[in-house]
Amino acid sequence: MLASGDPVLDLSYKKFRRLPGVICGLRHLEKLYVCGNSLRTLPENIVQLKGLRILALDFNKMEDIPLAICQLRNLTRLYLGSNRLISLPPELRNLQSLRCLWMESNYFTCFPRQLYDLPHLRSLQMGDNRLRTLPPDLWRMEALRGLWLYGNRFTEFPRVLLRMVDLEILDLDKNKIEVFPNLSRLPALRLFSYDHNPVEGPPGVGEEVLLVGEGAQEETPPLPKPRTPPLPKPRIPPLPKPRTLPLPKPRTLPLPKPRIPPLPNGLLPFLNLGLLPFLNLRLLPLLNLGLLPFLNLGSLPFLRF
């Protein structure tokens, strides 16, 4: 593999304590990855890798940056995260082609000013260190476009950042900042992360900025409220109209005509019909007895039987 002429060599997580010397003779290398080993330093003859553009030394045990690295003038990307660094050597300014420097998860307590002398540095990763402040002249790093400062110990927003008008990415996640200023004065800003800070709400930013943090959803249109369908009105069937049954017409029964027994034939010649209303029907038996000729019909109304 070493003699294949491949410009990329990955020796990550090989449990190396020292970089094999043969590696330094591979002058065709452009990318060298030796992450996750137990390296504390590098051999001085690594300077022979003059065409090296990417060097990844993450997750090793380096307490200082080997000075030989500072002679690799064609480096554009240098990864030094998760080591034990507390400072940078002055010679780092020799890396004039450096565009990306990652130094997260180390022990920096002060911002290294040597970085001011790297005119093409665009991406600086210093998350998970121990920074409390930034130098007031940080704005001099005019080429810087991405700055990661998450997981440090800031309690106030560094005001110098408001002067860095060309910043596109700014990450201040996991600090202790209670108040953020309005960041709309940073016209190039496109992503701002402020999550895990004790703030009450998202800071003001331009319309094009993507916010990452608690409450950032307030900057997006609210979700529509669930629509509760109205309950159907109960359908009550109309009561049937009362049916009035016609009362039967009263039937008048004819009264029976009173039956008056006919008078005997022998009575009519002698009967004064004018007295008939006074005739007591109790006299009728007398008529049958033949007594009528002897009666004084004039006294008939006064007879008592």
C-alpha atoms as a PDB file:
ATOM      1  CA  MET A   1       0.000   0.000   0.000  1.00  0.00           C
ATOM      2  CA  LEU A   2       2.800   2.419   0.835  1.00  0.00           C
ATOM      3  CA  ALA A   3       4.391   1.927  -2.583  1.00  0.00           C
ATOM      4  CA  SER A   4       1.151   2.328  -4.545  1.00  0.00           C
ATOM      5  CA  GLY A   5       1.663   6.018  -5.123  1.00  0.00           C
ATOM      6  CA  ASP A   6      -1.758   6.865  -3.665  1.00  0.00           C
ATOM      7  CA  PRO A   7      -1.692  10.508  -2.442  1.00  0.00           C
ATOM      8  CA  VAL A   8      -4.027   9.600   0.467  1.00  0.00           C
ATOM      9  CA  LEU A   9      -2.876   7.529   3.440  1.00  0.00           C
ATOM     10  CA  ASP A  10      -5.134   6.684   6.362  1.00  0.00           C
ATOM     11  CA  LEU A  11      -3.448   5.187   9.426  1.00  0.00           C
ATOM     12  CA  SER A  12      -6.171   6.114  11.918  1.00  0.00           C
ATOM     13  CA  TYR A  13      -6.795   3.988  15.008  1.00  0.00           C
ATOM     14  CA  LYS A  14      -3.753   1.754  14.513  1.00  0.00           C
ATOM     15  CA  LYS A  15      -2.555   2.170  18.126  1.00  0.00           C
ATOM     16  CA  PHE A  16       0.681   3.825  17.017  1.00  0.00           C
ATOM     17  CA  ARG A  17       2.793   5.460  19.697  1.00  0.00           C
ATOM     18  CA  ARG A  18       5.221   6.754  17.073  1.00  0.00           C
ATOM     19  CA  LEU A  19       4.712   7.481  13.443  1.00  0.00           C
ATOM     20  CA  PRO A  20       6.604   4.886  11.356  1.00  0.00           C
ATOM     21  CA  GLY A  21       9.673   6.558   9.821  1.00  0.00           C
ATOM     22  CA  VAL A  22       8.911   5.123   6.394  1.00  0.00           C
ATOM     23  CA  ILE A  23       5.912   7.434   6.151  1.00  0.00           C
ATOM     24  CA  CYS A  24       8.159  10.476   5.950  1.00  0.00           C
ATOM     25  CA  GLY A  25       9.698   9.147   2.722  1.00  0.00           C
ATOM     26  CA  LEU A  26       6.354   9.148   0.851  1.00  0.00           C
ATOM     27  CA  ARG A  27       6.862  12.470  -0.823  1.00  0.00           C
ATOM     28  CA  HIS A  28       3.875  12.003  -3.082  1.00  0.00           C
ATOM     29  CA  LEU A  29       1.470  12.148  -0.101  1.00  0.00           C
ATOM     30  CA  GLU A  30      -1.088  14.945  -0.094  1.00  0.00           C
ATOM     31  CA  LYS A  31      -3.426  13.725   2.653  1.00  0.00           C
ATOM     32  CA  LEU A  32      -2.296  11.967   5.809  1.00  0.00           C
ATOM     33  CA  TYR A  33      -4.732  10.784   8.479  1.00  0.00           C
ATOM     34  CA  VAL A  34      -3.275   9.448  11.742  1.00  0.00           C
ATOM     35  CA  CYS A  35      -6.225  10.075  14.062  1.00  0.00           C
ATOM     36  CA  GLY A  36      -7.030   8.045  17.167  1.00  0.00           C
ATOM     37  CA  ASN A  37      -3.526   6.833  17.964  1.00  0.00           C
ATOM     38  CA  SER A  38      -1.327   7.564  20.963  1.00  0.00           C
ATOM     39  CA  LEU A  39       1.083  10.004  19.297  1.00  0.00           C
ATOM     40  CA  ARG A  40       2.755  12.613  21.474  1.00  0.00           C
ATOM     41  CA  THR A  41       4.951  14.090  18.763  1.00  0.00           C
ATOM     42  CA  LEU A  42       6.025  13.596  15.130  1.00  0.00           C
ATOM     43  CA  PRO A  43       9.473  12.869  13.663  1.00  0.00           C
ATOM     44  CA  GLU A  44      11.325  15.930  12.430  1.00  0.00           C
ATOM     45  CA  ASN A  45      11.805  14.519   8.942  1.00  0.00           C
ATOM     46  CA  ILE A  46       8.104  14.848   8.305  1.00  0.00           C
ATOM     47  CA  VAL A  47       9.105  18.148   6.715  1.00  0.00           C
ATOM     48  CA  GLN A  48      10.017  16.043   3.668  1.00  0.00           C
ATOM     49  CA  LEU A  49       6.305  15.754   2.877  1.00  0.00           C
ATOM     50  CA  LYS A  50       6.336  19.113   1.161  1.00  0.00           C
ATOM     51  CA  GLY A  51       3.266  18.343  -0.943  1.00  0.00           C
ATOM     52  CA  LEU A  52       1.117  17.547   2.105  1.00  0.00           C
ATOM     53  CA  ARG A  53      -2.112  19.573   2.066  1.00  0.00           C
ATOM     54  CA  ILE A  54      -4.198  17.833   4.747  1.00  0.00           C
ATOM     55  CA  LEU A  55      -2.866  16.535   8.063  1.00  0.00           C
ATOM     56  CA  ALA A  56      -5.239  15.027  10.606  1.00  0.00           C
ATOM     57  CA  LEU A  57      -3.928  14.430  14.124  1.00  0.00           C
ATOM     58  CA  ASP A  58      -7.198  14.288  16.064  1.00  0.00           C
ATOM     59  CA  PHE A  59      -7.578  12.104  19.170  1.00  0.00           C
ATOM     60  CA  ASN A  60      -3.931  11.723  20.052  1.00  0.00           C
ATOM     61  CA  LYS A  61      -1.968  12.764  23.147  1.00  0.00           C
ATOM     62  CA  MET A  62      -0.066  15.806  21.963  1.00  0.00           C
ATOM     63  CA  GLU A  63       0.646  18.521  24.517  1.00  0.00           C
ATOM     64  CA  ASP A  64       2.561  20.687  22.059  1.00  0.00           C
ATOM     65  CA  ILE A  65       2.480  21.078  18.331  1.00  0.00           C
ATOM     66  CA  PRO A  66       5.650  19.590  16.784  1.00  0.00           C
ATOM     67  CA  LEU A  67       7.622  22.426  15.201  1.00  0.00           C
ATOM     68  CA  ALA A  68       8.187  20.274  12.130  1.00  0.00           C
ATOM     69  CA  ILE A  69       4.512  20.749  11.252  1.00  0.00           C
ATOM     70  CA  CYS A  70       5.085  24.489  10.983  1.00  0.00           C
ATOM     71  CA  GLN A  71       7.409  23.817   8.043  1.00  0.00           C
ATOM     72  CA  LEU A  72       4.716  22.210   5.911  1.00  0.00           C
ATOM     73  CA  ARG A  73       3.919  25.410   4.060  1.00  0.00           C
ATOM     74  CA  ASN A  74       1.436  23.870   1.651  1.00  0.00           C
ATOM     75  CA  LEU A  75      -0.920  22.727   4.392  1.00  0.00           C
ATOM     76  CA  THR A  76      -4.462  23.989   3.854  1.00  0.00           C
ATOM     77  CA  ARG A  77      -6.214  21.880   6.519  1.00  0.00           C
ATOM     78  CA  LEU A  78      -4.850  20.981   9.929  1.00  0.00           C
ATOM     79  CA  TYR A  79      -6.883  18.953  12.419  1.00  0.00           C
ATOM     80  CA  LEU A  80      -5.637  18.989  16.025  1.00  0.00           C
ATOM     81  CA  GLY A  81      -8.840  18.296  17.969  1.00  0.00           C
ATOM     82  CA  SER A  82      -9.059  16.182  21.125  1.00  0.00           C
ATOM     83  CA  ASN A  83      -5.450  16.488  22.189  1.00  0.00           C
ATOM     84  CA  ARG A  84      -3.919  18.225  25.222  1.00  0.00           C
ATOM     85  CA  LEU A  85      -2.913  21.546  23.735  1.00  0.00           C
ATOM     86  CA  ILE A  86      -2.859  24.754  25.757  1.00  0.00           C
ATOM     87  CA  SER A  87      -1.039  27.059  23.315  1.00  0.00           C
ATOM     88  CA  LEU A  88       0.354  27.403  19.790  1.00  0.00           C
ATOM     89  CA  PRO A  89       3.990  28.009  18.813  1.00  0.00           C
ATOM     90  CA  PRO A  90       4.827  31.338  17.165  1.00  0.00           C
ATOM     91  CA  GLU A  91       6.139  29.392  14.171  1.00  0.00           C
ATOM     92  CA  LEU A  92       2.553  28.465  13.252  1.00  0.00           C
ATOM     93  CA  ARG A  93       2.376  31.742  11.298  1.00  0.00           C
ATOM     94  CA  ASN A  94       4.531  30.054   8.674  1.00  0.00           C
ATOM     95  CA  LEU A  95       1.478  28.170   7.467  1.00  0.00           C
ATOM     96  CA  GLN A  96       0.403  30.946   5.136  1.00  0.00           C
ATOM     97  CA  SER A  97      -1.739  28.631   3.000  1.00  0.00           C
ATOM     98  CA  LEU A  98      -3.799  27.362   5.926  1.00  0.00           C
ATOM     99  CA  ARG A  99      -7.534  27.754   5.373  1.00  0.00           C
ATOM    100  CA  CYS A 100      -9.033  25.425   7.987  1.00  0.00           C
ATOM    101  CA  LEU A 101      -7.795  24.875  11.552  1.00  0.00           C
ATOM    102  CA  TRP A 102      -9.674  22.649  13.988  1.00  0.00           C
ATOM    103  CA  MET A 103      -8.559  22.644  17.622  1.00  0.00           C
ATOM    104  CA  GLU A 104     -11.721  21.615  19.483  1.00  0.00           C
ATOM    105  CA  SER A 105     -11.601  19.717  22.803  1.00  0.00           C
ATOM    106  CA  ASN A 106      -8.273  21.007  24.026  1.00  0.00           C
ATOM    107  CA  TYR A 107      -7.308  23.218  26.971  1.00  0.00           C
ATOM    108  CA  PHE A 108      -6.972  26.720  25.548  1.00  0.00           C
ATOM    109  CA  THR A 109      -7.761  29.435  28.065  1.00  0.00           C
ATOM    110  CA  CYS A 110      -6.683  32.343  25.870  1.00  0.00           C
ATOM    111  CA  PHE A 111      -7.284  32.953  22.211  1.00  0.00           C
ATOM    112  CA  PRO A 112      -3.977  32.372  20.328  1.00  0.00           C
ATOM    113  CA  ARG A 113      -3.022  35.611  18.622  1.00  0.00           C
ATOM    114  CA  GLN A 114      -0.667  33.793  16.293  1.00  0.00           C
ATOM    115  CA  LEU A 115      -3.719  33.143  14.191  1.00  0.00           C
ATOM    116  CA  TYR A 116      -3.882  36.827  13.232  1.00  0.00           C
ATOM    117  CA  ASP A 117      -0.982  36.210  10.891  1.00  0.00           C
ATOM    118  CA  LEU A 118      -2.784  33.562   8.838  1.00  0.00           C
ATOM    119  CA  PRO A 119      -4.298  35.685   6.058  1.00  0.00           C
ATOM    120  CA  HIS A 120      -6.300  32.886   4.395  1.00  0.00           C
ATOM    121  CA  LEU A 121      -7.768  31.217   7.476  1.00  0.00           C
ATOM    122  CA  ARG A 122     -11.500  30.877   6.838  1.00  0.00           C
ATOM    123  CA  SER A 123     -12.653  28.190   9.258  1.00  0.00           C
ATOM    124  CA  LEU A 124     -11.619  28.139  12.934  1.00  0.00           C
ATOM    125  CA  GLN A 125     -12.923  25.449  15.285  1.00  0.00           C
ATOM    126  CA  MET A 126     -12.244  26.125  18.975  1.00  0.00           C
ATOM    127  CA  GLY A 127     -15.231  24.476  20.602  1.00  0.00           C
ATOM    128  CA  ASP A 128     -14.963  22.681  23.948  1.00  0.00           C
ATOM    129  CA  ASN A 129     -12.052  24.693  25.280  1.00  0.00           C
ATOM    130  CA  ARG A 130     -11.857  27.031  28.268  1.00  0.00           C
ATOM    131  CA  LEU A 131     -12.163  30.457  26.682  1.00  0.00           C
ATOM    132  CA  ARG A 132     -13.905  33.195  28.672  1.00  0.00           C
ATOM    133  CA  THR A 133     -13.200  36.190  26.446  1.00  0.00           C
ATOM    134  CA  LEU A 134     -12.009  37.073  22.958  1.00  0.00           C
ATOM    135  CA  PRO A 135      -9.375  39.716  22.160  1.00  0.00           C
ATOM    136  CA  PRO A 136     -10.930  43.072  21.190  1.00  0.00           C
ATOM    137  CA  ASP A 137      -8.987  43.139  17.924  1.00  0.00           C
ATOM    138  CA  LEU A 138     -10.238  39.785  16.686  1.00  0.00           C
ATOM    139  CA  TRP A 139     -11.894  41.665  13.826  1.00  0.00           C
ATOM    140  CA  ARG A 140      -8.454  41.736  12.195  1.00  0.00           C
ATOM    141  CA  MET A 141      -9.067  38.171  11.012  1.00  0.00           C
ATOM    142  CA  GLU A 142     -10.877  39.469   7.960  1.00  0.00           C
ATOM    143  CA  ALA A 143     -10.799  36.198   6.015  1.00  0.00           C
ATOM    144  CA  LEU A 144     -12.636  34.296   8.750  1.00  0.00           C
ATOM    145  CA  ARG A 145     -16.035  32.979   7.630  1.00  0.00           C
ATOM    146  CA  GLY A 146     -16.804  30.239  10.165  1.00  0.00           C
ATOM    147  CA  LEU A 147     -16.122  30.443  13.917  1.00  0.00           C
ATOM    148  CA  TRP A 148     -17.043  27.641  16.325  1.00  0.00           C
ATOM    149  CA  LEU A 149     -16.872  28.589  20.024  1.00  0.00           C
ATOM    150  CA  TYR A 150     -19.375  26.164  21.540  1.00  0.00           C
ATOM    151  CA  GLY A 151     -18.736  24.568  24.926  1.00  0.00           C
ATOM    152  CA  ASN A 152     -16.507  27.307  26.289  1.00  0.00           C
ATOM    153  CA  ARG A 153     -17.046  29.513  29.361  1.00  0.00           C
ATOM    154  CA  PHE A 154     -18.452  32.733  27.974  1.00  0.00           C
ATOM    155  CA  THR A 155     -20.900  34.496  30.274  1.00  0.00           C
ATOM    156  CA  GLU A 156     -21.338  37.517  27.996  1.00  0.00           C
ATOM    157  CA  PHE A 157     -21.615  37.806  24.259  1.00  0.00           C
ATOM    158  CA  PRO A 158     -18.173  38.913  22.899  1.00  0.00           C
ATOM    159  CA  ARG A 159     -18.946  42.358  21.444  1.00  0.00           C
ATOM    160  CA  VAL A 160     -16.022  42.153  19.034  1.00  0.00           C
ATOM    161  CA  LEU A 161     -18.013  39.619  17.024  1.00  0.00           C
ATOM    162  CA  LEU A 162     -20.376  42.401  15.969  1.00  0.00           C
ATOM    163  CA  ARG A 163     -17.513  43.929  13.997  1.00  0.00           C
ATOM    164  CA  MET A 164     -16.838  40.742  12.049  1.00  0.00           C
ATOM    165  CA  VAL A 165     -19.277  41.559   9.282  1.00  0.00           C
ATOM    166  CA  ASP A 166     -18.057  38.779   6.983  1.00  0.00           C
ATOM    167  CA  LEU A 167     -18.864  35.918   9.361  1.00  0.00           C
ATOM    168  CA  GLU A 168     -21.221  33.376   7.824  1.00  0.00           C
ATOM    169  CA  ILE A 169     -21.292  30.739  10.592  1.00  0.00           C
ATOM    170  CA  LEU A 170     -21.158  31.494  14.318  1.00  0.00           C
ATOM    171  CA  ASP A 171     -21.606  28.811  16.971  1.00  0.00           C
ATOM    172  CA  LEU A 172     -21.892  29.821  20.644  1.00  0.00           C
ATOM    173  CA  ASP A 173     -23.764  26.744  21.802  1.00  0.00           C
ATOM    174  CA  LYS A 174     -23.264  25.437  25.385  1.00  0.00           C
ATOM    175  CA  ASN A 175     -22.032  28.583  27.044  1.00  0.00           C
ATOM    176  CA  LYS A 176     -23.555  30.670  29.858  1.00  0.00           C
ATOM    177  CA  ILE A 177     -24.652  33.728  27.934  1.00  0.00           C
ATOM    178  CA  GLU A 178     -27.903  35.234  29.230  1.00  0.00           C
ATOM    179  CA  VAL A 179     -28.377  38.050  26.723  1.00  0.00           C
ATOM    180  CA  PHE A 180     -27.649  38.150  23.002  1.00  0.00           C
ATOM    181  CA  PRO A 181     -27.592  41.391  21.036  1.00  0.00           C
ATOM    182  CA  ASN A 182     -29.415  41.881  17.772  1.00  0.00           C
ATOM    183  CA  LEU A 183     -27.283  40.186  15.131  1.00  0.00           C
ATOM    184  CA  SER A 184     -29.006  41.680  12.116  1.00  0.00           C
ATOM    185  CA  ARG A 185     -25.996  43.977  11.713  1.00  0.00           C
ATOM    186  CA  LEU A 186     -23.996  40.945  10.510  1.00  0.00           C
ATOM    187  CA  PRO A 187     -25.117  40.963   6.868  1.00  0.00           C
ATOM    188  CA  ALA A 188     -23.204  37.814   5.813  1.00  0.00           C
ATOM    189  CA  LEU A 189     -24.428  35.641   8.696  1.00  0.00           C
ATOM    190  CA  ARG A 190     -26.267  32.523   7.525  1.00  0.00           C
ATOM    191  CA  LEU A 191     -26.186  30.191  10.539  1.00  0.00           C
ATOM    192  CA  PHE A 192     -26.179  31.076  14.219  1.00  0.00           C
ATOM    193  CA  SER A 193     -26.304  28.491  17.035  1.00  0.00           C
ATOM    194  CA  TYR A 194     -27.075  29.657  20.562  1.00  0.00           C
ATOM    195  CA  ASP A 195     -28.557  26.472  22.038  1.00  0.00           C
ATOM    196  CA  HIS A 196     -27.976  25.485  25.695  1.00  0.00           C
ATOM    197  CA  ASN A 197     -27.545  29.051  26.923  1.00  0.00           C
ATOM    198  CA  PRO A 198     -29.736  30.524  29.702  1.00  0.00           C
ATOM    199  CA  VAL A 199     -31.629  32.862  27.387  1.00  0.00           C
ATOM    200  CA  GLU A 200     -35.365  33.497  27.371  1.00  0.00           C
ATOM    201  CA  GLY A 201     -35.764  33.641  23.618  1.00  0.00           C
ATOM    202  CA  PRO A 202     -33.985  33.722  20.274  1.00  0.00           C
ATOM    203  CA  PRO A 203     -31.914  36.780  19.348  1.00  0.00           C
ATOM    204  CA  GLY A 204     -32.811  39.032  16.470  1.00  0.00           C
ATOM    205  CA  VAL A 205     -31.221  38.040  13.165  1.00  0.00           C
ATOM    206  CA  GLY A 206     -31.713  38.693   9.482  1.00  0.00           C
ATOM    207  CA  GLU A 207     -34.338  36.847   7.477  1.00  0.00           C
ATOM    208  CA  GLU A 208     -31.729  34.645   5.751  1.00  0.00           C
ATOM    209  CA  VAL A 209     -30.224  33.322   9.008  1.00  0.00           C
ATOM    210  CA  LEU A 210     -30.862  29.780  10.193  1.00  0.00           C
ATOM    211  CA  LEU A 211     -31.232  29.782  13.976  1.00  0.00           C
ATOM    212  CA  VAL A 212     -30.305  26.710  16.011  1.00  0.00           C
ATOM    213  CA  GLY A 213     -31.419  26.722  19.619  1.00  0.00           C
ATOM    214  CA  GLU A 214     -34.203  26.657  22.171  1.00  0.00           C
ATOM    215  CA  GLY A 215     -37.118  28.748  20.976  1.00  0.00           C
ATOM    216  CA  ALA A 216     -35.791  29.020  17.416  1.00  0.00           C
ATOM    217  CA  GLN A 217     -39.072  27.579  16.191  1.00  0.00           C
ATOM    218  CA  GLU A 218     -40.673  30.913  17.106  1.00  0.00           C
ATOM    219  CA  GLU A 219     -38.989  32.356  14.049  1.00  0.00           C
ATOM    220  CA  THR A 220     -40.799  29.922  11.797  1.00  0.00           C
ATOM    221  CA  PRO A 221     -44.486  30.099  10.964  1.00  0.00           C
ATOM    222  CA  PRO A 222     -46.564  28.517  13.735  1.00  0.00           C
ATOM    223  CA  LEU A 223     -48.137  25.185  13.122  1.00  0.00           C
ATOM    224  CA  PRO A 224     -51.818  25.426  12.348  1.00  0.00           C
ATOM    225  CA  LYS A 225     -54.086  24.731  15.269  1.00  0.00           C
ATOM    226  CA  PRO A 226     -55.888  21.432  15.034  1.00  0.00           C
ATOM    227  CA  ARG A 227     -59.347  21.909  13.654  1.00  0.00           C
ATOM    228  CA  THR A 228     -62.004  20.399  15.806  1.00  0.00           C
ATOM    229  CA  PRO A 229     -64.974  19.464  13.685  1.00  0.00           C
ATOM    230  CA  PRO A 230     -68.239  20.797  15.115  1.00  0.00           C
ATOM    231  CA  LEU A 231     -70.442  18.277  16.742  1.00  0.00           C
ATOM    232  CA  PRO A 232     -73.475  17.474  14.623  1.00  0.00           C
ATOM    233  CA  LYS A 233     -76.658  18.985  15.905  1.00  0.00           C
ATOM    234  CA  PRO A 234     -78.967  16.314  17.284  1.00  0.00           C
ATOM    235  CA  ARG A 235     -81.788  15.675  14.887  1.00  0.00           C
ATOM    236  CA  ILE A 236     -85.043  15.700  16.693  1.00  0.00           C
ATOM    237  CA  PRO A 237     -87.856  14.369  14.526  1.00  0.00           C
ATOM    238  CA  PRO A 238     -90.856  16.684  14.505  1.00  0.00           C
ATOM    239  CA  LEU A 239     -93.710  15.608  16.645  1.00  0.00           C
ATOM    240  CA  PRO A 240     -96.686  14.450  14.593  1.00  0.00           C
ATOM    241  CA  LYS A 241     -99.524  16.873  14.507  1.00  0.00           C
ATOM    242  CA  PRO A 242    -102.268  15.765  16.853  1.00  0.00           C
ATOM    243  CA  ARG A 243    -105.070  14.171  14.921  1.00  0.00           C
ATOM    244  CA  THR A 244    -108.387  15.384  16.071  1.00  0.00           C
ATOM    245  CA  LEU A 245    -110.915  12.702  15.637  1.00  0.00           C
ATOM    246  CA  PRO A 246    -114.400  14.061  14.817  1.00  0.00           C
ATOM    247  CA  LEU A 247    -116.799  13.555  17.595  1.00  0.00           C
ATOM    248  CA  PRO A 248    -119.735  11.459  16.535  1.00  0.00           C
ATOM    249  CA  LYS A 249    -122.820  13.474  16.062  1.00  0.00           C
ATOM    250  CA  PRO A 250    -125.179  12.941  18.952  1.00  0.00           C
ATOM    251  CA  ARG A 251    -127.901  10.606  17.983  1.00  0.00           C
ATOM    252  CA  THR A 252    -131.241  11.769  19.106  1.00  0.00           C
ATOM    253  CA  LEU A 253    -133.408   8.879  19.880  1.00  0.00           C
ATOM    254  CA  PRO A 254    -137.090   9.521  19.195  1.00  0.00           C
ATOM    255  CA  LEU A 255    -139.136   9.577  22.299  1.00  0.00           C
ATOM    256  CA  PRO A 256    -141.882   7.008  22.215  1.00  0.00           C
ATOM    257  CA  LYS A 257    -145.200   8.528  21.640  1.00  0.00           C
ATOM    258  CA  PRO A 258    -147.422   8.144  24.654  1.00  0.00           C
ATOM    259  CA  ARG A 259    -149.954   5.464  24.108  1.00  0.00           C
ATOM    260  CA  ILE A 260    -153.367   6.597  25.070  1.00  0.00           C
ATOM    261  CA  PRO A 261    -155.827   3.801  25.144  1.00  0.00           C
ATOM    262  CA  PRO A 262    -158.758   4.481  22.899  1.00  0.00           C
ATOM    263  CA  LEU A 263    -161.985   5.579  24.500  1.00  0.00           C
ATOM    264  CA  PRO A 264    -164.851   3.176  24.449  1.00  0.00           C
ATOM    265  CA  ASN A 265    -167.292   3.830  21.686  1.00  0.00           C
ATOM    266  CA  GLY A 266    -170.171   4.419  24.073  1.00  0.00           C
ATOM    267  CA  LEU A 267    -168.398   7.445  25.618  1.00  0.00           C
ATOM    268  CA  LEU A 268    -168.030   9.662  22.616  1.00  0.00           C
ATOM    269  CA  PRO A 269    -171.711  10.697  22.213  1.00  0.00           C
ATOM    270  CA  PHE A 270    -171.905  11.954  25.725  1.00  0.00           C
ATOM    271  CA  LEU A 271    -168.479  13.349  26.223  1.00  0.00           C
ATOM    272  CA  ASN A 272    -168.050  17.071  26.307  1.00  0.00           C
ATOM    273  CA  LEU A 273    -164.728  17.297  24.536  1.00  0.00           C
ATOM    274  CA  GLY A 274    -164.062  20.599  26.228  1.00  0.00           C
ATOM    275  CA  LEU A 275    -163.846  18.752  29.496  1.00  0.00           C
ATOM    276  CA  LEU A 276    -161.437  16.166  28.285  1.00  0.00           C
ATOM    277  CA  PRO A 277    -158.394  17.871  29.867  1.00  0.00           C
ATOM    278  CA  PHE A 278    -160.036  17.460  33.247  1.00  0.00           C
ATOM    279  CA  LEU A 279    -161.016  13.897  32.791  1.00  0.00           C
ATOM    280  CA  ASN A 280    -159.306  11.693  35.180  1.00  0.00           C
ATOM    281  CA  LEU A 281    -158.328   8.526  33.513  1.00  0.00           C
ATOM    282  CA  ARG A 282    -159.354   6.735  36.630  1.00  0.00           C
ATOM    283  CA  LEU A 283    -162.945   7.138  35.408  1.00  0.00           C
ATOM    284  CA  LEU A 284    -162.347   4.894  32.492  1.00  0.00           C
ATOM    285  CA  PRO A 285    -163.348   1.766  34.344  1.00  0.00           C
ATOM    286  CA  LEU A 286    -166.697   3.360  35.046  1.00  0.00           C
ATOM    287  CA  LEU A 287    -167.234   3.787  31.413  1.00  0.00           C
ATOM    288  CA  ASN A 288    -166.972   0.142  30.908  1.00  0.00           C
ATOM    289  CA  LEU A 289    -169.529  -0.441  33.614  1.00  0.00           C
ATOM    290  CA  GLY A 290    -172.188   1.463  31.762  1.00  0.00           C
ATOM    291  CA  LEU A 291    -172.325   4.222  34.363  1.00  0.00           C
ATOM    292  CA  LEU A 292    -171.534   7.047  32.114  1.00  0.00           C
ATOM    293  CA  PRO A 293    -175.147   7.878  31.106  1.00  0.00           C
ATOM    294  CA  PHE A 294    -175.996   8.577  34.722  1.00  0.00           C
ATOM    295  CA  LEU A 295    -173.024  10.858  35.424  1.00  0.00           C
ATOM    296  CA  ASN A 296    -173.404  14.582  35.524  1.00  0.00           C
ATOM    297  CA  LEU A 297    -170.577  15.515  33.302  1.00  0.00           C
ATOM    298  CA  GLY A 298    -170.658  19.034  34.590  1.00  0.00           C
ATOM    299  CA  SER A 299    -169.386  17.910  37.908  1.00  0.00           C
ATOM    300  CA  LEU A 300    -166.848  15.643  36.399  1.00  0.00           C
ATOM    301  CA  PRO A 301    -163.821  17.866  37.228  1.00  0.00           C
ATOM    302  CA  PHE A 302    -164.740  17.714  40.929  1.00  0.00           C
ATOM    303  CA  LEU A 303    -165.087  14.001  41.291  1.00  0.00           C
ATOM    304  CA  ARG A 304    -162.610  12.222  43.485  1.00  0.00           C
ATOM    305  CA  PHE A 305    -161.979   8.561  43.229  1.00  0.00           C
END
